[in-house]
Amino acid sequence: MLEEIKAAEEAATTSKHEANLTARNMLRETEDEAAKTAEAMLTAARKAAKEKIAAAEAQSKIKARALVDERARSDRAQAQVAREKLAAAVAYIVEKVVV
């Protein structure tokens, strides 16, 4: 009877050890899978962020170029108006200085 108890205790100890080992392995595998999933999510998020940044930069370049073009047209228009009034301004100055 004592031998049966010892055999049962050894079997229980072996079973407990195997259960702990199985639990540790399952935990390790789950942690590895979670780490891989997290890394994949981070990689996807970084890629999406880079794409959004690139799109925003492209859009801002387009807007900046349009603004520069608009300002250049305005400057050319003001220069043209000034050139048209230049003769009258010179005549006025000459009249005031000479007279």
Protein backbone atom coordinates (compact mmCIF):
# COMPACT_ATOMS: atom_id res chain seq x y z
CA MET A 1 0.00 0.00 0.00
CA LEU A 2 2.85 2.38 0.87
CA GLU A 3 4.36 1.72 -2.54
CA GLU A 4 1.10 2.62 -4.24
CA ILE A 5 0.96 5.91 -2.31
CA LYS A 6 4.57 6.68 -3.29
CA ALA A 7 3.82 5.80 -6.91
CA ALA A 8 0.73 8.01 -6.85
CA GLU A 9 2.74 10.88 -5.31
CA GLU A 10 5.45 10.47 -7.96
CA ALA A 11 2.82 10.40 -10.68
CA ALA A 12 1.22 13.52 -9.21
CA THR A 13 4.61 15.27 -9.03
CA THR A 14 5.41 14.27 -12.60
CA SER A 15 1.97 15.40 -13.74
CA LYS A 16 2.37 18.73 -11.92
CA HIS A 17 5.82 19.23 -13.45
CA GLU A 18 4.50 18.49 -16.95
CA ALA A 19 1.55 20.83 -16.41
CA ASN A 20 3.90 23.63 -15.30
CA LEU A 21 6.16 22.99 -18.27
CA THR A 22 3.18 23.01 -20.66
CA ALA A 23 1.86 26.22 -19.09
CA ARG A 24 5.28 27.90 -19.40
CA ASN A 25 5.56 26.87 -23.03
CA MET A 26 2.06 28.10 -23.80
CA LEU A 27 2.80 31.41 -22.09
CA ARG A 28 6.07 31.82 -24.00
CA GLU A 29 4.35 31.04 -27.32
CA THR A 30 1.56 33.49 -26.55
CA GLU A 31 4.05 36.21 -25.63
CA ASP A 32 5.99 35.57 -28.85
CA GLU A 33 2.80 35.78 -30.92
CA ALA A 34 1.76 38.97 -29.14
CA ALA A 35 5.19 40.51 -29.76
CA LYS A 36 5.01 39.60 -33.46
CA THR A 37 1.49 41.01 -33.75
CA ALA A 38 2.52 44.22 -31.97
CA GLU A 39 5.55 44.62 -34.24
CA ALA A 40 3.40 44.09 -37.32
CA MET A 41 0.92 46.69 -36.07
CA LEU A 42 3.74 49.17 -35.39
CA THR A 43 5.21 48.57 -38.83
CA ALA A 44 1.84 49.15 -40.46
CA ALA A 45 1.27 52.30 -38.41
CA ARG A 46 4.71 53.65 -39.33
CA LYS A 47 4.09 52.95 -43.00
CA ALA A 48 0.69 54.67 -42.87
CA ALA A 49 2.22 57.65 -41.06
CA LYS A 50 4.98 57.97 -43.66
CA GLU A 51 2.41 57.86 -46.46
CA LYS A 52 0.27 60.53 -44.74
CA ILE A 53 3.33 62.74 -44.19
CA ALA A 54 4.39 62.34 -47.81
CA ALA A 55 0.89 63.21 -49.01
CA ALA A 56 0.75 66.25 -46.72
CA GLU A 57 4.17 67.43 -47.93
CA ALA A 58 3.11 67.05 -51.55
CA GLN A 59 -0.10 68.97 -50.88
CA SER A 60 1.76 71.75 -49.08
CA LYS A 61 4.23 72.05 -51.97
CA ILE A 62 1.33 72.42 -54.39
CA LYS A 63 -0.29 75.09 -52.20
CA ALA A 64 3.03 76.89 -51.71
CA ARG A 65 3.68 76.91 -55.46
CA ALA A 66 0.18 78.28 -56.12
CA LEU A 67 0.74 81.01 -53.53
CA VAL A 68 4.11 81.94 -55.06
CA ASP A 69 2.53 82.07 -58.52
CA GLU A 70 -0.33 84.23 -57.24
CA ARG A 71 2.07 86.64 -55.55
CA ALA A 72 4.24 86.80 -58.68
CA ARG A 73 1.19 87.68 -60.81
CA SER A 74 0.23 90.36 -58.30
CA ASP A 75 3.76 91.77 -58.31
CA ARG A 76 3.84 91.83 -62.12
CA ALA A 77 0.48 93.61 -62.20
CA GLN A 78 1.67 96.23 -59.71
CA ALA A 79 4.89 96.69 -61.67
CA GLN A 80 2.89 97.20 -64.86
CA VAL A 81 0.70 99.82 -63.17
CA ALA A 82 3.83 101.56 -61.88
CA ARG A 83 5.41 101.52 -65.36
CA GLU A 84 2.24 103.03 -66.83
CA LYS A 85 2.35 105.86 -64.27
CA LEU A 86 6.12 106.37 -64.55
CA ALA A 87 5.95 108.90 -67.40
CA ALA A 88 3.34 110.98 -65.58
CA ALA A 89 5.37 110.82 -62.34
CA VAL A 90 8.57 111.91 -64.12
CA ALA A 91 6.71 114.75 -65.84
CA TYR A 92 5.24 115.87 -62.50
CA ILE A 93 8.67 115.79 -60.80
CA VAL A 94 10.31 117.67 -63.65
CA GLU A 95 7.54 120.26 -63.58
CA LYS A 96 7.89 120.81 -59.82
CA VAL A 97 11.70 120.88 -59.88
CA VAL A 98 12.10 123.04 -62.97
CA VAL A 99 9.36 125.50 -62.11
